[in-house]
Structures are given as C-alpha cells and as structure tokens.
Amino acid sequence: MERGWQEWMSEIADTDKIADVLRRIYTMANEGFAAVVRQYKNMRQMCQLLGIPYSTAQKWSLGKQKPASYLLMLMVYATVNYDKMQK
C-alpha cells in the first residue's frame, strides 16, 4: 500500500518536528512497550494518562505478559497525539 502525506503533517509547519514525530512513531512501533513508557516521566504517569491499570503495565514491563498488538498501536497513537487530545 502506498503512503502519502498525512493530514496531521499539514498542521506541522516545521519539517524537523515532522521528522521527530515520525522517528518517535518508528521507535515505539519497533521497540514496543518499553519505548512507549520512555515517552513519559514514568510508568505511573503513562498509566494514569492512558487509563491502563498499573499492575497490568508492570506485568508488561517485567515480560510476564505482552500487550496485544492493537493495544500497543493505540498506546503509540495516543502518545504521539497526546497534545492534540488535551485541547
């Protein structure tokens, strides 16, 4: 499938900022849950903002369980778009 210029990119005037957003998305998508957690001050803050039970996030962090791929994708999306969601 071909990927083109996404609508959200038109809202960002600075090409360096677009590159940074794409880099963050790529990193989180490839490195998984740990990369999402690193985008926040700590795991507790991430859980609070994303509505994830802390005990569940601990299990994911310790490798006792893995988040479903669709949940990881939603966490990445919410993390990247957090500023927009607060408006």
PDB file of N, CA and C in Angstrom:
ATOM      1  N   MET A   1       0.836  -1.164   0.000  1.00  0.00           N
ATOM      2  CA  MET A   1       0.000   0.000   0.000  1.00  0.00           C
ATOM      3  C   MET A   1       0.894   1.245   0.000  1.00  0.00           C
ATOM      4  N   GLU A   2       0.496   2.208  -0.733  1.00  0.00           N
ATOM      5  CA  GLU A   2       1.283   3.435  -0.830  1.00  0.00           C
ATOM      6  C   GLU A   2       0.910   4.408   0.283  1.00  0.00           C
ATOM      7  N   ARG A   3       1.931   5.021   0.873  1.00  0.00           N
ATOM      8  CA  ARG A   3       1.705   6.002   1.935  1.00  0.00           C
ATOM      9  C   ARG A   3       1.993   7.390   1.383  1.00  0.00           C
ATOM     10  N   GLY A   4       1.095   8.303   1.655  1.00  0.00           N
ATOM     11  CA  GLY A   4       1.277   9.672   1.193  1.00  0.00           C
ATOM     12  C   GLY A   4       1.380  10.638   2.349  1.00  0.00           C
ATOM     13  N   TRP A   5       1.281  11.889   2.039  1.00  0.00           N
ATOM     14  CA  TRP A   5       1.334  12.942   3.047  1.00  0.00           C
ATOM     15  C   TRP A   5       0.074  12.860   3.876  1.00  0.00           C
ATOM     16  N   GLN A   6       0.226  12.672   5.167  1.00  0.00           N
ATOM     17  CA  GLN A   6      -0.927  12.533   6.054  1.00  0.00           C
ATOM     18  C   GLN A   6      -1.452  13.915   6.460  1.00  0.00           C
ATOM     19  N   GLU A   7      -2.742  13.992   6.754  1.00  0.00           N
ATOM     20  CA  GLU A   7      -3.364  15.272   7.113  1.00  0.00           C
ATOM     21  C   GLU A   7      -2.695  15.937   8.309  1.00  0.00           C
ATOM     22  N   TRP A   8      -2.320  15.148   9.331  1.00  0.00           N
ATOM     23  CA  TRP A   8      -1.725  15.742  10.527  1.00  0.00           C
ATOM     24  C   TRP A   8      -0.405  16.410  10.219  1.00  0.00           C
ATOM     25  N   MET A   9       0.252  15.985   9.128  1.00  0.00           N
ATOM     26  CA  MET A   9       1.526  16.601   8.765  1.00  0.00           C
ATOM     27  C   MET A   9       1.325  18.030   8.273  1.00  0.00           C
ATOM     28  N   SER A  10       0.177  18.315   7.708  1.00  0.00           N
ATOM     29  CA  SER A  10      -0.105  19.670   7.215  1.00  0.00           C
ATOM     30  C   SER A  10      -0.227  20.662   8.365  1.00  0.00           C
ATOM     31  N   GLU A  11      -0.578  20.156   9.554  1.00  0.00           N
ATOM     32  CA  GLU A  11      -0.716  21.025  10.714  1.00  0.00           C
ATOM     33  C   GLU A  11       0.624  21.422  11.319  1.00  0.00           C
ATOM     34  N   ILE A  12       1.692  20.734  10.932  1.00  0.00           N
ATOM     35  CA  ILE A  12       3.024  20.996  11.470  1.00  0.00           C
ATOM     36  C   ILE A  12       3.845  21.702  10.389  1.00  0.00           C
ATOM     37  N   ALA A  13       4.266  22.915  10.674  1.00  0.00           N
ATOM     38  CA  ALA A  13       4.999  23.706   9.682  1.00  0.00           C
ATOM     39  C   ALA A  13       6.481  23.338   9.631  1.00  0.00           C
ATOM     40  N   ASP A  14       7.038  22.896  10.738  1.00  0.00           N
ATOM     41  CA  ASP A  14       8.468  22.638  10.851  1.00  0.00           C
ATOM     42  C   ASP A  14       8.785  21.196  10.421  1.00  0.00           C
ATOM     43  N   THR A  15       9.588  21.057   9.374  1.00  0.00           N
ATOM     44  CA  THR A  15       9.932  19.719   8.879  1.00  0.00           C
ATOM     45  C   THR A  15      10.745  18.923   9.900  1.00  0.00           C
ATOM     46  N   ASP A  16      11.523  19.603  10.729  1.00  0.00           N
ATOM     47  CA  ASP A  16      12.267  18.898  11.773  1.00  0.00           C
ATOM     48  C   ASP A  16      11.313  18.266  12.789  1.00  0.00           C
ATOM     49  N   LYS A  17      10.222  18.963  13.080  1.00  0.00           N
ATOM     50  CA  LYS A  17       9.241  18.424  14.022  1.00  0.00           C
ATOM     51  C   LYS A  17       8.544  17.201  13.411  1.00  0.00           C
ATOM     52  N   ILE A  18       8.233  17.251  12.125  1.00  0.00           N
ATOM     53  CA  ILE A  18       7.635  16.098  11.447  1.00  0.00           C
ATOM     54  C   ILE A  18       8.585  14.914  11.513  1.00  0.00           C
ATOM     55  N   ALA A  19       9.865  15.157  11.230  1.00  0.00           N
ATOM     56  CA  ALA A  19      10.860  14.082  11.291  1.00  0.00           C
ATOM     57  C   ALA A  19      10.944  13.510  12.703  1.00  0.00           C
ATOM     58  N   ASP A  20      10.858  14.360  13.713  1.00  0.00           N
ATOM     59  CA  ASP A  20      10.908  13.896  15.098  1.00  0.00           C
ATOM     60  C   ASP A  20       9.700  13.020  15.433  1.00  0.00           C
ATOM     61  N   VAL A  21       8.518  13.437  15.007  1.00  0.00           N
ATOM     62  CA  VAL A  21       7.301  12.655  15.258  1.00  0.00           C
ATOM     63  C   VAL A  21       7.408  11.294  14.582  1.00  0.00           C
ATOM     64  N   LEU A  22       7.841  11.272  13.331  1.00  0.00           N
ATOM     65  CA  LEU A  22       7.984  10.007  12.610  1.00  0.00           C
ATOM     66  C   LEU A  22       9.033   9.107  13.257  1.00  0.00           C
ATOM     67  N   ARG A  23      10.110   9.702  13.756  1.00  0.00           N
ATOM     68  CA  ARG A  23      11.148   8.935  14.453  1.00  0.00           C
ATOM     69  C   ARG A  23      10.595   8.312  15.727  1.00  0.00           C
ATOM     70  N   ARG A  24       9.805   9.082  16.464  1.00  0.00           N
ATOM     71  CA  ARG A  24       9.184   8.558  17.698  1.00  0.00           C
ATOM     72  C   ARG A  24       8.236   7.407  17.387  1.00  0.00           C
ATOM     73  N   ILE A  25       7.418   7.566  16.356  1.00  0.00           N
ATOM     74  CA  ILE A  25       6.483   6.507  15.967  1.00  0.00           C
ATOM     75  C   ILE A  25       7.252   5.248  15.596  1.00  0.00           C
ATOM     76  N   TYR A  26       8.277   5.393  14.779  1.00  0.00           N
ATOM     77  CA  TYR A  26       9.075   4.246  14.344  1.00  0.00           C
ATOM     78  C   TYR A  26       9.711   3.533  15.540  1.00  0.00           C
ATOM     79  N   THR A  27      10.295   4.303  16.451  1.00  0.00           N
ATOM     80  CA  THR A  27      10.951   3.726  17.621  1.00  0.00           C
ATOM     81  C   THR A  27       9.956   2.971  18.488  1.00  0.00           C
ATOM     82  N   MET A  28       8.829   3.594  18.773  1.00  0.00           N
ATOM     83  CA  MET A  28       7.843   2.933  19.631  1.00  0.00           C
ATOM     84  C   MET A  28       7.265   1.694  18.961  1.00  0.00           C
ATOM     85  N   ALA A  29       7.037   1.763  17.656  1.00  0.00           N
ATOM     86  CA  ALA A  29       6.469   0.614  16.950  1.00  0.00           C
ATOM     87  C   ALA A  29       7.445  -0.561  16.924  1.00  0.00           C
ATOM     88  N   ASN A  30       8.729  -0.274  16.821  1.00  0.00           N
ATOM     89  CA  ASN A  30       9.718  -1.349  16.721  1.00  0.00           C
ATOM     90  C   ASN A  30      10.236  -1.843  18.062  1.00  0.00           C
ATOM     91  N   GLU A  31      10.321  -0.968  19.049  1.00  0.00           N
ATOM     92  CA  GLU A  31      10.869  -1.369  20.344  1.00  0.00           C
ATOM     93  C   GLU A  31       9.787  -1.775  21.330  1.00  0.00           C
ATOM     94  N   GLY A  32       8.540  -1.478  21.034  1.00  0.00           N
ATOM     95  CA  GLY A  32       7.439  -1.951  21.855  1.00  0.00           C
ATOM     96  C   GLY A  32       7.151  -1.131  23.098  1.00  0.00           C
ATOM     97  N   PHE A  33       6.617  -1.830  24.084  1.00  0.00           N
ATOM     98  CA  PHE A  33       6.095  -1.199  25.289  1.00  0.00           C
ATOM     99  C   PHE A  33       7.120  -0.332  26.008  1.00  0.00           C
ATOM    100  N   ALA A  34       8.338  -0.808  26.135  1.00  0.00           N
ATOM    101  CA  ALA A  34       9.372  -0.044  26.850  1.00  0.00           C
ATOM    102  C   ALA A  34       9.602   1.320  26.198  1.00  0.00           C
ATOM    103  N   ALA A  35       9.540   1.376  24.874  1.00  0.00           N
ATOM    104  CA  ALA A  35       9.731   2.642  24.166  1.00  0.00           C
ATOM    105  C   ALA A  35       8.571   3.598  24.424  1.00  0.00           C
ATOM    106  N   VAL A  36       7.363   3.060  24.581  1.00  0.00           N
ATOM    107  CA  VAL A  36       6.212   3.912  24.896  1.00  0.00           C
ATOM    108  C   VAL A  36       6.395   4.508  26.287  1.00  0.00           C
ATOM    109  N   VAL A  37       6.795   3.685  27.249  1.00  0.00           N
ATOM    110  CA  VAL A  37       6.988   4.159  28.622  1.00  0.00           C
ATOM    111  C   VAL A  37       8.018   5.280  28.663  1.00  0.00           C
ATOM    112  N   ARG A  38       9.080   5.167  27.874  1.00  0.00           N
ATOM    113  CA  ARG A  38      10.143   6.192  27.872  1.00  0.00           C
ATOM    114  C   ARG A  38       9.651   7.557  27.401  1.00  0.00           C
ATOM    115  N   GLN A  39       8.501   7.613  26.758  1.00  0.00           N
ATOM    116  CA  GLN A  39       7.958   8.889  26.287  1.00  0.00           C
ATOM    117  C   GLN A  39       7.313   9.697  27.424  1.00  0.00           C
ATOM    118  N   TYR A  40       7.162   9.062  28.566  1.00  0.00           N
ATOM    119  CA  TYR A  40       6.529   9.694  29.718  1.00  0.00           C
ATOM    120  C   TYR A  40       7.543   9.877  30.842  1.00  0.00           C
ATOM    121  N   LYS A  41       7.151  10.642  31.851  1.00  0.00           N
ATOM    122  CA  LYS A  41       8.028  10.867  33.001  1.00  0.00           C
ATOM    123  C   LYS A  41       8.330   9.548  33.704  1.00  0.00           C
ATOM    124  N   ASN A  42       7.318   8.711  33.847  1.00  0.00           N
ATOM    125  CA  ASN A  42       7.483   7.384  34.435  1.00  0.00           C
ATOM    126  C   ASN A  42       6.276   6.531  34.044  1.00  0.00           C
ATOM    127  N   MET A  43       6.321   5.257  34.416  1.00  0.00           N
ATOM    128  CA  MET A  43       5.253   4.346  34.024  1.00  0.00           C
ATOM    129  C   MET A  43       3.935   4.701  34.710  1.00  0.00           C
ATOM    130  N   ARG A  44       3.991   5.187  35.923  1.00  0.00           N
ATOM    131  CA  ARG A  44       2.764   5.561  36.634  1.00  0.00           C
ATOM    132  C   ARG A  44       2.046   6.698  35.899  1.00  0.00           C
ATOM    133  N   GLN A  45       2.807   7.684  35.416  1.00  0.00           N
ATOM    134  CA  GLN A  45       2.203   8.784  34.669  1.00  0.00           C
ATOM    135  C   GLN A  45       1.557   8.262  33.387  1.00  0.00           C
ATOM    136  N   MET A  46       2.266   7.381  32.681  1.00  0.00           N
ATOM    137  CA  MET A  46       1.727   6.809  31.454  1.00  0.00           C
ATOM    138  C   MET A  46       0.405   6.096  31.737  1.00  0.00           C
ATOM    139  N   CYS A  47       0.376   5.290  32.793  1.00  0.00           N
ATOM    140  CA  CYS A  47      -0.834   4.549  33.146  1.00  0.00           C
ATOM    141  C   CYS A  47      -1.991   5.489  33.445  1.00  0.00           C
ATOM    142  N   GLN A  48      -1.697   6.537  34.172  1.00  0.00           N
ATOM    143  CA  GLN A  48      -2.736   7.497  34.526  1.00  0.00           C
ATOM    144  C   GLN A  48      -3.292   8.190  33.281  1.00  0.00           C
ATOM    145  N   LEU A  49      -2.420   8.624  32.394  1.00  0.00           N
ATOM    146  CA  LEU A  49      -2.857   9.352  31.209  1.00  0.00           C
ATOM    147  C   LEU A  49      -3.560   8.466  30.187  1.00  0.00           C
ATOM    148  N   LEU A  50      -3.133   7.196  30.084  1.00  0.00           N
ATOM    149  CA  LEU A  50      -3.714   6.303  29.088  1.00  0.00           C
ATOM    150  C   LEU A  50      -4.808   5.404  29.654  1.00  0.00           C
ATOM    151  N   GLY A  51      -5.027   5.463  30.976  1.00  0.00           N
ATOM    152  CA  GLY A  51      -6.077   4.660  31.575  1.00  0.00           C
ATOM    153  C   GLY A  51      -5.753   3.177  31.654  1.00  0.00           C
ATOM    154  N   ILE A  52      -4.489   2.859  31.853  1.00  0.00           N
ATOM    155  CA  ILE A  52      -4.045   1.470  31.943  1.00  0.00           C
ATOM    156  C   ILE A  52      -3.829   1.139  33.419  1.00  0.00           C
ATOM    157  N   PRO A  53      -4.358   0.008  33.889  1.00  0.00           N
ATOM    158  CA  PRO A  53      -4.073  -0.380  35.284  1.00  0.00           C
ATOM    159  C   PRO A  53      -2.565  -0.548  35.491  1.00  0.00           C
ATOM    160  N   TYR A  54      -2.059   0.014  36.575  1.00  0.00           N
ATOM    161  CA  TYR A  54      -0.618  -0.028  36.836  1.00  0.00           C
ATOM    162  C   TYR A  54      -0.110  -1.466  36.944  1.00  0.00           C
ATOM    163  N   SER A  55      -0.891  -2.341  37.549  1.00  0.00           N
ATOM    164  CA  SER A  55      -0.460  -3.737  37.691  1.00  0.00           C
ATOM    165  C   SER A  55      -0.303  -4.411  36.329  1.00  0.00           C
ATOM    166  N   THR A  56      -1.156  -4.066  35.389  1.00  0.00           N
ATOM    167  CA  THR A  56      -1.040  -4.611  34.031  1.00  0.00           C
ATOM    168  C   THR A  56       0.238  -4.110  33.373  1.00  0.00           C
ATOM    169  N   ALA A  57       0.510  -2.818  33.498  1.00  0.00           N
ATOM    170  CA  ALA A  57       1.728  -2.248  32.915  1.00  0.00           C
ATOM    171  C   ALA A  57       2.974  -2.866  33.544  1.00  0.00           C
ATOM    172  N   GLN A  58       2.924  -3.159  34.839  1.00  0.00           N
ATOM    173  CA  GLN A  58       4.060  -3.819  35.494  1.00  0.00           C
ATOM    174  C   GLN A  58       4.307  -5.194  34.892  1.00  0.00           C
ATOM    175  N   LYS A  59       3.251  -5.949  34.644  1.00  0.00           N
ATOM    176  CA  LYS A  59       3.395  -7.274  34.031  1.00  0.00           C
ATOM    177  C   LYS A  59       4.003  -7.162  32.640  1.00  0.00           C
ATOM    178  N   TRP A  60       3.571  -6.163  31.870  1.00  0.00           N
ATOM    179  CA  TRP A  60       4.136  -5.948  30.542  1.00  0.00           C
ATOM    180  C   TRP A  60       5.607  -5.567  30.647  1.00  0.00           C
ATOM    181  N   SER A  61       5.917  -4.697  31.588  1.00  0.00           N
ATOM    182  CA  SER A  61       7.282  -4.219  31.762  1.00  0.00           C
ATOM    183  C   SER A  61       8.235  -5.346  32.182  1.00  0.00           C
ATOM    184  N   LEU A  62       7.746  -6.252  33.028  1.00  0.00           N
ATOM    185  CA  LEU A  62       8.568  -7.359  33.512  1.00  0.00           C
ATOM    186  C   LEU A  62       8.608  -8.539  32.541  1.00  0.00           C
ATOM    187  N   GLY A  63       7.822  -8.461  31.474  1.00  0.00           N
ATOM    188  CA  GLY A  63       7.815  -9.531  30.486  1.00  0.00           C
ATOM    189  C   GLY A  63       6.952 -10.724  30.873  1.00  0.00           C
ATOM    190  N   LYS A  64       6.140 -10.580  31.919  1.00  0.00           N
ATOM    191  CA  LYS A  64       5.252 -11.664  32.338  1.00  0.00           C
ATOM    192  C   LYS A  64       4.084 -11.815  31.369  1.00  0.00           C
ATOM    193  N   GLN A  65       3.719 -10.713  30.736  1.00  0.00           N
ATOM    194  CA  GLN A  65       2.682 -10.686  29.702  1.00  0.00           C
ATOM    195  C   GLN A  65       3.114  -9.695  28.641  1.00  0.00           C
ATOM    196  N   LYS A  66       2.485  -9.779  27.479  1.00  0.00           N
ATOM    197  CA  LYS A  66       2.748  -8.810  26.416  1.00  0.00           C
ATOM    198  C   LYS A  66       1.443  -8.112  26.065  1.00  0.00           C
ATOM    199  N   PRO A  67       1.500  -6.814  25.820  1.00  0.00           N
ATOM    200  CA  PRO A  67       0.272  -6.148  25.378  1.00  0.00           C
ATOM    201  C   PRO A  67      -0.086  -6.638  23.977  1.00  0.00           C
ATOM    202  N   ALA A  68      -1.369  -6.753  23.714  1.00  0.00           N
ATOM    203  CA  ALA A  68      -1.814  -7.129  22.368  1.00  0.00           C
ATOM    204  C   ALA A  68      -1.310  -6.080  21.381  1.00  0.00           C
ATOM    205  N   SER A  69      -1.069  -6.497  20.159  1.00  0.00           N
ATOM    206  CA  SER A  69      -0.511  -5.577  19.164  1.00  0.00           C
ATOM    207  C   SER A  69      -1.418  -4.374  18.931  1.00  0.00           C
ATOM    208  N   TYR A  70      -2.741  -4.591  18.971  1.00  0.00           N
ATOM    209  CA  TYR A  70      -3.640  -3.458  18.761  1.00  0.00           C
ATOM    210  C   TYR A  70      -3.559  -2.470  19.929  1.00  0.00           C
ATOM    211  N   LEU A  71      -3.330  -2.969  21.159  1.00  0.00           N
ATOM    212  CA  LEU A  71      -3.176  -2.070  22.307  1.00  0.00           C
ATOM    213  C   LEU A  71      -1.894  -1.256  22.195  1.00  0.00           C
ATOM    214  N   LEU A  72      -0.829  -1.911  21.773  1.00  0.00           N
ATOM    215  CA  LEU A  72       0.436  -1.197  21.594  1.00  0.00           C
ATOM    216  C   LEU A  72       0.275  -0.106  20.543  1.00  0.00           C
ATOM    217  N   MET A  73      -0.428  -0.434  19.452  1.00  0.00           N
ATOM    218  CA  MET A  73      -0.647   0.553  18.404  1.00  0.00           C
ATOM    219  C   MET A  73      -1.466   1.732  18.941  1.00  0.00           C
ATOM    220  N   LEU A  74      -2.479   1.461  19.744  1.00  0.00           N
ATOM    221  CA  LEU A  74      -3.283   2.539  20.326  1.00  0.00           C
ATOM    222  C   LEU A  74      -2.476   3.375  21.312  1.00  0.00           C
ATOM    223  N   MET A  75      -1.596   2.726  22.080  1.00  0.00           N
ATOM    224  CA  MET A  75      -0.747   3.473  23.015  1.00  0.00           C
ATOM    225  C   MET A  75       0.190   4.404  22.256  1.00  0.00           C
ATOM    226  N   VAL A  76       0.766   3.914  21.157  1.00  0.00           N
ATOM    227  CA  VAL A  76       1.649   4.751  20.339  1.00  0.00           C
ATOM    228  C   VAL A  76       0.863   5.929  19.781  1.00  0.00           C
ATOM    229  N   TYR A  77      -0.318   5.657  19.244  1.00  0.00           N
ATOM    230  CA  TYR A  77      -1.146   6.724  18.671  1.00  0.00           C
ATOM    231  C   TYR A  77      -1.493   7.778  19.728  1.00  0.00           C
ATOM    232  N   ALA A  78      -1.936   7.312  20.890  1.00  0.00           N
ATOM    233  CA  ALA A  78      -2.307   8.245  21.959  1.00  0.00           C
ATOM    234  C   ALA A  78      -1.102   9.038  22.440  1.00  0.00           C
ATOM    235  N   THR A  79       0.051   8.396  22.510  1.00  0.00           N
ATOM    236  CA  THR A  79       1.264   9.075  22.968  1.00  0.00           C
ATOM    237  C   THR A  79       1.680  10.164  21.991  1.00  0.00           C
ATOM    238  N   VAL A  80       1.650   9.855  20.712  1.00  0.00           N
ATOM    239  CA  VAL A  80       2.044  10.832  19.693  1.00  0.00           C
ATOM    240  C   VAL A  80       1.042  11.972  19.614  1.00  0.00           C
ATOM    241  N   ASN A  81      -0.226  11.677  19.833  1.00  0.00           N
ATOM    242  CA  ASN A  81      -1.273  12.686  19.699  1.00  0.00           C
ATOM    243  C   ASN A  81      -1.752  13.251  21.028  1.00  0.00           C
ATOM    244  N   TYR A  82      -1.012  13.025  22.079  1.00  0.00           N
ATOM    245  CA  TYR A  82      -1.423  13.455  23.417  1.00  0.00           C
ATOM    246  C   TYR A  82      -1.732  14.950  23.471  1.00  0.00           C
ATOM    247  N   ASP A  83      -0.879  15.766  22.879  1.00  0.00           N
ATOM    248  CA  ASP A  83      -1.095  17.224  22.921  1.00  0.00           C
ATOM    249  C   ASP A  83      -2.413  17.611  22.256  1.00  0.00           C
ATOM    250  N   LYS A  84      -2.741  16.959  21.157  1.00  0.00           N
ATOM    251  CA  LYS A  84      -3.990  17.274  20.456  1.00  0.00           C
ATOM    252  C   LYS A  84      -5.199  16.854  21.276  1.00  0.00           C
ATOM    253  N   MET A  85      -5.073  15.750  22.005  1.00  0.00           N
ATOM    254  CA  MET A  85      -6.196  15.245  22.796  1.00  0.00           C
ATOM    255  C   MET A  85      -6.503  16.152  23.968  1.00  0.00           C
ATOM    256  N   GLN A  86      -5.540  16.932  24.428  1.00  0.00           N
ATOM    257  CA  GLN A  86      -5.730  17.801  25.589  1.00  0.00           C
ATOM    258  C   GLN A  86      -6.440  19.102  25.230  1.00  0.00           C
ATOM    259  N   LYS A  87      -6.555  19.409  23.958  1.00  0.00           N
ATOM    260  CA  LYS A  87      -7.183  20.675  23.522  1.00  0.00           C
ATOM    261  C   LYS A  87      -8.680  20.559  23.526  1.00  0.00           C
TER     262      LYS A  87
END
